[in-house]
Amino acid sequence: MQRRTLLIASSSLAALSACGTAPQISDYANEKPIFDLKSYFSGVVDGWGIFTDRSGKVVKRFLVTINCSWNGDDGVLDEDFVYSDGSKQKRIWRMKKLADGRYEGRADDVVGLGTGQQMGNAFRWGYTLNLPVDGKVYEVQFDDWMYQMDDKVVINKATMSKFGITLGELVVNFKKRA
């Protein structure tokens, strides 16, 4: 009886562990179309997004226009946000393409360096953002995943966390202008 209980407990633990395995960028290496970050984020890209809290409730909607330019491996992604409450925000990413599909970037409201990697149709981007909330500023970690759907559309899903605790999610649908 004890052996059977131990076997069931071990099997359950193994199943739960498998469910908790986080995706890796290499999981998307063979997916198409290939996401060429420099090519996609060149020119003007529009985005429509939502922030949700931990329960999944939409707490903010926004539009973003990104003016993108590259000089060799150095890029500028100039983002203008307009939120559903009428507030506006600007973020300018200064990006650098590195070897093996890797990128790094800086922005004024980002703590340190953002780093990411592209494989297949996906791009994973991680950074810490100084997020203003009710007159205070909090350092929040972003784990961004972007997936290229076709030559015009990229879907971005990000998890926001602090001290390893998920605060909410961000979803943005990008569309490249002609």
C-alpha atoms as a PDB file:
ATOM      1  CA  MET A   1       0.000   0.000   0.000  1.00  0.00           C
ATOM      2  CA  GLN A   2       2.806   2.424   0.890  1.00  0.00           C
ATOM      3  CA  ARG A   3       4.590   1.571  -2.325  1.00  0.00           C
ATOM      4  CA  ARG A   4       1.453   2.304  -4.369  1.00  0.00           C
ATOM      5  CA  THR A   5       0.935   5.637  -2.550  1.00  0.00           C
ATOM      6  CA  LEU A   6       4.578   6.564  -3.163  1.00  0.00           C
ATOM      7  CA  LEU A   7       4.259   5.649  -6.850  1.00  0.00           C
ATOM      8  CA  ILE A   8       1.102   7.754  -7.243  1.00  0.00           C
ATOM      9  CA  ALA A   9       2.712  10.697  -5.413  1.00  0.00           C
ATOM     10  CA  SER A  10       5.866  10.458  -7.550  1.00  0.00           C
ATOM     11  CA  SER A  11       3.839  10.289 -10.759  1.00  0.00           C
ATOM     12  CA  SER A  12       1.740  13.274  -9.725  1.00  0.00           C
ATOM     13  CA  LEU A  13       4.855  15.286  -8.874  1.00  0.00           C
ATOM     14  CA  ALA A  14       6.442  14.421 -12.225  1.00  0.00           C
ATOM     15  CA  ALA A  15       3.276  15.462 -14.060  1.00  0.00           C
ATOM     16  CA  LEU A  16       3.119  18.763 -12.183  1.00  0.00           C
ATOM     17  CA  SER A  17       6.804  19.421 -12.860  1.00  0.00           C
ATOM     18  CA  ALA A  18       6.284  18.888 -16.586  1.00  0.00           C
ATOM     19  CA  CYS A  19       3.382  21.356 -16.550  1.00  0.00           C
ATOM     20  CA  GLY A  20       5.574  23.977 -14.888  1.00  0.00           C
ATOM     21  CA  THR A  21       8.373  23.859 -17.448  1.00  0.00           C
ATOM     22  CA  ALA A  22       8.784  27.317 -18.917  1.00  0.00           C
ATOM     23  CA  PRO A  23       9.118  27.678 -22.676  1.00  0.00           C
ATOM     24  CA  GLN A  24      12.579  28.309 -24.074  1.00  0.00           C
ATOM     25  CA  ILE A  25      13.418  30.369 -27.166  1.00  0.00           C
ATOM     26  CA  SER A  26      14.848  27.196 -28.742  1.00  0.00           C
ATOM     27  CA  ASP A  27      11.320  25.696 -28.695  1.00  0.00           C
ATOM     28  CA  TYR A  28      10.528  27.979 -31.665  1.00  0.00           C
ATOM     29  CA  ALA A  29      13.709  27.462 -33.715  1.00  0.00           C
ATOM     30  CA  ASN A  30      11.877  25.644 -36.539  1.00  0.00           C
ATOM     31  CA  GLU A  31       8.778  27.852 -36.632  1.00  0.00           C
ATOM     32  CA  LYS A  32       8.024  30.025 -39.651  1.00  0.00           C
ATOM     33  CA  PRO A  33       8.039  32.776 -40.719  1.00  0.00           C
ATOM     34  CA  ILE A  34      11.492  33.661 -39.436  1.00  0.00           C
ATOM     35  CA  PHE A  35      11.222  36.755 -37.233  1.00  0.00           C
ATOM     36  CA  ASP A  36      13.857  39.223 -38.444  1.00  0.00           C
ATOM     37  CA  LEU A  37      13.577  41.888 -35.747  1.00  0.00           C
ATOM     38  CA  LYS A  38      15.584  44.478 -37.700  1.00  0.00           C
ATOM     39  CA  SER A  39      13.470  44.032 -40.793  1.00  0.00           C
ATOM     40  CA  TYR A  40      10.108  44.001 -39.016  1.00  0.00           C
ATOM     41  CA  PHE A  41      10.868  46.947 -36.737  1.00  0.00           C
ATOM     42  CA  SER A  42      11.958  49.193 -39.583  1.00  0.00           C
ATOM     43  CA  GLY A  43       9.686  52.067 -40.614  1.00  0.00           C
ATOM     44  CA  VAL A  44       6.414  52.597 -38.737  1.00  0.00           C
ATOM     45  CA  VAL A  45       4.694  49.905 -36.668  1.00  0.00           C
ATOM     46  CA  ASP A  46       1.325  50.392 -34.937  1.00  0.00           C
ATOM     47  CA  GLY A  47       0.200  48.459 -31.861  1.00  0.00           C
ATOM     48  CA  TRP A  48      -3.001  47.878 -29.900  1.00  0.00           C
ATOM     49  CA  GLY A  49      -2.587  46.550 -26.374  1.00  0.00           C
ATOM     50  CA  ILE A  50      -4.038  45.752 -22.989  1.00  0.00           C
ATOM     51  CA  PHE A  51      -2.689  45.412 -19.455  1.00  0.00           C
ATOM     52  CA  THR A  52      -4.409  42.833 -17.258  1.00  0.00           C
ATOM     53  CA  ASP A  53      -4.063  42.311 -13.522  1.00  0.00           C
ATOM     54  CA  ARG A  54      -3.412  38.941 -11.867  1.00  0.00           C
ATOM     55  CA  SER A  55      -7.073  37.973 -12.172  1.00  0.00           C
ATOM     56  CA  GLY A  56      -7.080  38.680 -15.923  1.00  0.00           C
ATOM     57  CA  LYS A  57      -9.159  41.858 -15.649  1.00  0.00           C
ATOM     58  CA  VAL A  58      -8.228  44.516 -18.230  1.00  0.00           C
ATOM     59  CA  VAL A  59      -7.000  47.530 -16.254  1.00  0.00           C
ATOM     60  CA  LYS A  60      -5.642  49.643 -19.103  1.00  0.00           C
ATOM     61  CA  ARG A  61      -5.828  49.776 -22.897  1.00  0.00           C
ATOM     62  CA  PHE A  62      -3.418  51.596 -25.183  1.00  0.00           C
ATOM     63  CA  LEU A  63      -2.328  52.401 -28.704  1.00  0.00           C
ATOM     64  CA  VAL A  64       1.347  52.682 -29.610  1.00  0.00           C
ATOM     65  CA  THR A  65       3.074  54.026 -32.701  1.00  0.00           C
ATOM     66  CA  ILE A  66       6.712  53.009 -33.130  1.00  0.00           C
ATOM     67  CA  ASN A  67       9.019  54.854 -35.520  1.00  0.00           C
ATOM     68  CA  CYS A  68      11.908  52.468 -36.158  1.00  0.00           C
ATOM     69  CA  SER A  69      15.251  53.031 -37.841  1.00  0.00           C
ATOM     70  CA  TRP A  70      18.538  51.152 -38.092  1.00  0.00           C
ATOM     71  CA  ASN A  71      22.077  52.182 -38.945  1.00  0.00           C
ATOM     72  CA  GLY A  72      23.901  48.894 -39.411  1.00  0.00           C
ATOM     73  CA  ASP A  73      23.383  46.895 -36.211  1.00  0.00           C
ATOM     74  CA  ASP A  74      22.296  49.923 -34.148  1.00  0.00           C
ATOM     75  CA  GLY A  75      18.590  50.687 -34.018  1.00  0.00           C
ATOM     76  CA  VAL A  76      16.172  53.185 -32.520  1.00  0.00           C
ATOM     77  CA  LEU A  77      12.594  52.212 -31.658  1.00  0.00           C
ATOM     78  CA  ASP A  78      10.806  55.469 -30.812  1.00  0.00           C
ATOM     79  CA  GLU A  79       7.535  54.488 -29.076  1.00  0.00           C
ATOM     80  CA  ASP A  80       4.595  56.863 -28.490  1.00  0.00           C
ATOM     81  CA  PHE A  81       1.846  55.456 -26.245  1.00  0.00           C
ATOM     82  CA  VAL A  82      -1.687  56.810 -25.814  1.00  0.00           C
ATOM     83  CA  TYR A  83      -3.606  55.154 -22.965  1.00  0.00           C
ATOM     84  CA  SER A  84      -7.362  54.683 -22.522  1.00  0.00           C
ATOM     85  CA  ASP A  85      -7.358  57.216 -19.659  1.00  0.00           C
ATOM     86  CA  GLY A  86      -5.931  59.880 -22.013  1.00  0.00           C
ATOM     87  CA  SER A  87      -2.394  59.794 -20.606  1.00  0.00           C
ATOM     88  CA  LYS A  88       0.601  59.616 -22.923  1.00  0.00           C
ATOM     89  CA  GLN A  89       4.064  58.133 -22.627  1.00  0.00           C
ATOM     90  CA  LYS A  90       7.223  58.029 -24.723  1.00  0.00           C
ATOM     91  CA  ARG A  91       9.926  55.389 -24.648  1.00  0.00           C
ATOM     92  CA  ILE A  92      12.943  55.329 -26.929  1.00  0.00           C
ATOM     93  CA  TRP A  93      14.773  52.031 -27.173  1.00  0.00           C
ATOM     94  CA  ARG A  94      18.361  52.141 -28.402  1.00  0.00           C
ATOM     95  CA  MET A  95      18.971  48.642 -29.706  1.00  0.00           C
ATOM     96  CA  LYS A  96      22.047  46.735 -30.768  1.00  0.00           C
ATOM     97  CA  LYS A  97      22.013  43.524 -32.797  1.00  0.00           C
ATOM     98  CA  LEU A  98      24.594  41.013 -31.581  1.00  0.00           C
ATOM     99  CA  ALA A  99      25.601  37.545 -32.840  1.00  0.00           C
ATOM    100  CA  ASP A 100      23.336  34.470 -32.820  1.00  0.00           C
ATOM    101  CA  GLY A 101      20.038  36.370 -32.974  1.00  0.00           C
ATOM    102  CA  ARG A 102      20.784  38.218 -29.739  1.00  0.00           C
ATOM    103  CA  TYR A 103      19.917  41.838 -29.041  1.00  0.00           C
ATOM    104  CA  GLU A 104      20.457  44.299 -26.232  1.00  0.00           C
ATOM    105  CA  GLY A 105      18.827  47.638 -25.614  1.00  0.00           C
ATOM    106  CA  ARG A 106      18.467  50.606 -23.320  1.00  0.00           C
ATOM    107  CA  ALA A 107      15.707  53.107 -22.621  1.00  0.00           C
ATOM    108  CA  ASP A 108      15.489  55.946 -20.096  1.00  0.00           C
ATOM    109  CA  ASP A 109      12.881  54.190 -17.929  1.00  0.00           C
ATOM    110  CA  VAL A 110      14.619  50.797 -18.102  1.00  0.00           C
ATOM    111  CA  VAL A 111      16.975  49.740 -15.321  1.00  0.00           C
ATOM    112  CA  GLY A 112      20.234  48.561 -16.830  1.00  0.00           C
ATOM    113  CA  LEU A 113      20.218  46.614 -20.060  1.00  0.00           C
ATOM    114  CA  GLY A 114      17.387  44.741 -21.769  1.00  0.00           C
ATOM    115  CA  THR A 115      18.488  41.515 -23.410  1.00  0.00           C
ATOM    116  CA  GLY A 116      16.827  39.188 -25.858  1.00  0.00           C
ATOM    117  CA  GLN A 117      17.189  36.509 -28.487  1.00  0.00           C
ATOM    118  CA  GLN A 118      15.369  35.550 -31.687  1.00  0.00           C
ATOM    119  CA  MET A 119      14.849  32.008 -32.983  1.00  0.00           C
ATOM    120  CA  GLY A 120      12.380  30.905 -35.641  1.00  0.00           C
ATOM    121  CA  ASN A 121       9.250  33.054 -35.465  1.00  0.00           C
ATOM    122  CA  ALA A 122       9.840  34.123 -31.831  1.00  0.00           C
ATOM    123  CA  PHE A 123      11.746  36.782 -29.942  1.00  0.00           C
ATOM    124  CA  ARG A 124      12.170  36.767 -26.150  1.00  0.00           C
ATOM    125  CA  TRP A 125      13.016  40.059 -24.495  1.00  0.00           C
ATOM    126  CA  GLY A 126      13.705  40.608 -20.779  1.00  0.00           C
ATOM    127  CA  TYR A 127      14.162  43.880 -18.906  1.00  0.00           C
ATOM    128  CA  THR A 128      13.377  45.768 -15.695  1.00  0.00           C
ATOM    129  CA  LEU A 129      11.133  48.801 -16.088  1.00  0.00           C
ATOM    130  CA  ASN A 130      10.666  51.741 -13.713  1.00  0.00           C
ATOM    131  CA  LEU A 131       6.859  51.664 -13.596  1.00  0.00           C
ATOM    132  CA  PRO A 132       5.046  54.709 -12.144  1.00  0.00           C
ATOM    133  CA  VAL A 133       1.918  53.784 -10.150  1.00  0.00           C
ATOM    134  CA  ASP A 134      -0.067  56.272  -8.031  1.00  0.00           C
ATOM    135  CA  GLY A 135       2.845  58.683  -7.575  1.00  0.00           C
ATOM    136  CA  LYS A 136       5.422  55.994  -6.783  1.00  0.00           C
ATOM    137  CA  VAL A 137       7.882  54.206  -9.079  1.00  0.00           C
ATOM    138  CA  TYR A 138       8.375  50.446  -8.880  1.00  0.00           C
ATOM    139  CA  GLU A 139      11.012  48.290 -10.557  1.00  0.00           C
ATOM    140  CA  VAL A 140       9.048  45.614 -12.426  1.00  0.00           C
ATOM    141  CA  GLN A 141      10.498  42.741 -14.456  1.00  0.00           C
ATOM    142  CA  PHE A 142       9.127  42.075 -17.940  1.00  0.00           C
ATOM    143  CA  ASP A 143       9.389  38.743 -19.740  1.00  0.00           C
ATOM    144  CA  ASP A 144       8.313  39.636 -23.287  1.00  0.00           C
ATOM    145  CA  TRP A 145       7.561  37.066 -25.987  1.00  0.00           C
ATOM    146  CA  MET A 146       6.919  38.206 -29.561  1.00  0.00           C
ATOM    147  CA  TYR A 147       5.681  35.894 -32.317  1.00  0.00           C
ATOM    148  CA  GLN A 148       5.711  36.857 -35.987  1.00  0.00           C
ATOM    149  CA  MET A 149       2.484  35.709 -37.643  1.00  0.00           C
ATOM    150  CA  ASP A 150       3.169  36.995 -41.181  1.00  0.00           C
ATOM    151  CA  ASP A 151       5.047  39.869 -42.838  1.00  0.00           C
ATOM    152  CA  LYS A 152       2.717  42.478 -41.250  1.00  0.00           C
ATOM    153  CA  VAL A 153       1.605  41.084 -37.856  1.00  0.00           C
ATOM    154  CA  VAL A 154       3.488  40.320 -34.629  1.00  0.00           C
ATOM    155  CA  ILE A 155       1.777  39.325 -31.382  1.00  0.00           C
ATOM    156  CA  ASN A 156       3.507  40.281 -28.116  1.00  0.00           C
ATOM    157  CA  LYS A 157       2.672  38.712 -24.748  1.00  0.00           C
ATOM    158  CA  ALA A 158       4.540  39.817 -21.640  1.00  0.00           C
ATOM    159  CA  THR A 159       4.434  38.850 -17.984  1.00  0.00           C
ATOM    160  CA  MET A 160       5.099  41.565 -15.396  1.00  0.00           C
ATOM    161  CA  SER A 161       6.499  40.461 -12.044  1.00  0.00           C
ATOM    162  CA  LYS A 162       8.150  41.725  -8.879  1.00  0.00           C
ATOM    163  CA  PHE A 163      10.109  39.479  -6.509  1.00  0.00           C
ATOM    164  CA  GLY A 164       9.091  36.559  -8.748  1.00  0.00           C
ATOM    165  CA  ILE A 165       5.379  37.223  -8.167  1.00  0.00           C
ATOM    166  CA  THR A 166       3.289  37.781 -11.296  1.00  0.00           C
ATOM    167  CA  LEU A 167       1.562  41.173 -11.214  1.00  0.00           C
ATOM    168  CA  GLY A 168      -0.205  40.936 -14.554  1.00  0.00           C
ATOM    169  CA  GLU A 169       0.170  40.538 -18.286  1.00  0.00           C
ATOM    170  CA  LEU A 170       0.465  42.711 -21.325  1.00  0.00           C
ATOM    171  CA  VAL A 171      -0.739  41.723 -24.795  1.00  0.00           C
ATOM    172  CA  VAL A 172       0.019  43.837 -27.881  1.00  0.00           C
ATOM    173  CA  ASN A 173      -0.858  43.169 -31.499  1.00  0.00           C
ATOM    174  CA  PHE A 174       1.562  44.948 -33.838  1.00  0.00           C
ATOM    175  CA  LYS A 175       0.919  45.727 -37.477  1.00  0.00           C
ATOM    176  CA  LYS A 176       3.649  47.026 -39.775  1.00  0.00           C
ATOM    177  CA  ARG A 177       2.597  49.843 -42.072  1.00  0.00           C
ATOM    178  CA  ALA A 178       3.028  49.377 -45.809  1.00  0.00           C
END
